[in-house]
Amino acid sequence: MPGITIDKDHCKGCELCVQACPQRILAMSKDITVRGYYYAQLADPSRCIGCRICALVCPDVAIEVNTHGLMFELFDY
């Protein structure tokens, strides 16, 4: 299963990753960072397909996606 690491101290809460995720596994936290931003967090990491779109759209490079091989299982909503 792919692993997503979000550096909440670098996230400025732009929500680009939340909107870009095809699996809708990211959500905004209700907590605020020391810089005063709500940050992205994983809502359901088990549905991650490792597409790395969240990391590509992040302007602050706050998201890192680690994959171990390929696993694509698209969920129909």
Protein backbone atom coordinates (compact mmCIF):
# COMPACT_ATOMS: atom_id res chain seq x y z
CA MET A 1 0.00 0.00 0.00
CA PRO A 2 1.32 3.47 -0.84
CA GLY A 3 2.26 5.71 2.03
CA ILE A 4 1.56 9.42 2.12
CA THR A 5 3.46 11.76 4.41
CA ILE A 6 2.18 15.30 4.86
CA ASP A 7 4.47 17.84 6.52
CA LYS A 8 1.87 19.92 8.34
CA ASP A 9 4.42 22.61 9.19
CA HIS A 10 4.97 23.33 5.47
CA CYS A 11 1.31 23.04 4.43
CA LYS A 12 -0.42 26.39 4.01
CA GLY A 13 -3.91 24.95 3.60
CA CYS A 14 -4.52 25.80 -0.06
CA GLU A 15 -6.63 22.62 -0.48
CA LEU A 16 -5.25 21.92 -3.97
CA CYS A 17 -4.35 18.37 -2.98
CA VAL A 18 -7.80 17.73 -1.53
CA GLN A 19 -9.46 18.85 -4.76
CA ALA A 20 -6.99 16.98 -7.00
CA CYS A 21 -7.15 13.57 -5.32
CA PRO A 22 -9.16 11.15 -7.51
CA GLN A 23 -9.81 8.85 -4.55
CA ARG A 24 -10.88 11.64 -2.13
CA ILE A 25 -8.63 10.41 0.67
CA LEU A 26 -7.43 13.84 1.80
CA ALA A 27 -9.31 16.32 3.96
CA MET A 28 -8.51 19.51 5.79
CA SER A 29 -7.70 19.27 9.49
CA LYS A 30 -9.67 21.08 12.13
CA ASP A 31 -6.39 21.91 13.90
CA ILE A 32 -4.29 24.96 13.12
CA THR A 33 -0.51 24.95 12.63
CA VAL A 34 1.87 27.35 14.34
CA ARG A 35 1.74 29.47 11.17
CA GLY A 36 -2.05 29.76 11.49
CA TYR A 37 -3.16 27.45 8.66
CA TYR A 38 -5.45 24.47 8.53
CA TYR A 39 -3.44 21.62 7.00
CA ALA A 40 -4.23 18.62 4.80
CA GLN A 41 -4.49 15.23 6.43
CA LEU A 42 -5.34 11.68 5.41
CA ALA A 43 -9.02 10.83 5.76
CA ASP A 44 -8.87 7.27 4.40
CA PRO A 45 -5.33 6.11 3.51
CA SER A 46 -6.46 2.58 2.63
CA ARG A 47 -7.94 3.85 -0.68
CA CYS A 48 -4.70 5.49 -1.89
CA ILE A 49 -3.60 4.25 -5.31
CA GLY A 50 -0.22 6.00 -5.29
CA CYS A 51 -0.94 8.29 -8.25
CA ARG A 52 1.11 11.13 -6.68
CA ILE A 53 -1.24 13.83 -7.99
CA CYS A 54 -1.47 15.35 -4.50
CA ALA A 55 2.31 15.71 -4.33
CA LEU A 56 2.49 17.18 -7.84
CA VAL A 57 -0.07 19.93 -7.21
CA CYS A 58 1.27 20.92 -3.78
CA PRO A 59 2.96 24.33 -4.20
CA ASP A 60 4.79 23.97 -0.88
CA VAL A 61 6.17 20.45 -1.51
CA ALA A 62 4.58 19.36 1.75
CA ILE A 63 3.43 15.93 0.49
CA GLU A 64 5.56 12.87 -0.12
CA VAL A 65 4.17 9.65 -1.60
CA ASN A 66 6.06 6.40 -1.18
CA THR A 67 4.95 3.45 -3.27
CA HIS A 68 6.05 -0.14 -3.08
CA GLY A 69 5.35 -1.46 -6.55
CA LEU A 70 2.17 -0.61 -8.42
CA MET A 71 -1.30 -0.94 -7.00
CA PHE A 72 -4.24 0.53 -8.85
CA GLU A 73 -7.70 -0.18 -7.52
CA LEU A 74 -10.07 2.57 -8.55
CA PHE A 75 -13.13 3.04 -6.41
CA ASP A 76 -16.36 3.98 -8.11
CA TYR A 77 -18.36 6.63 -6.28
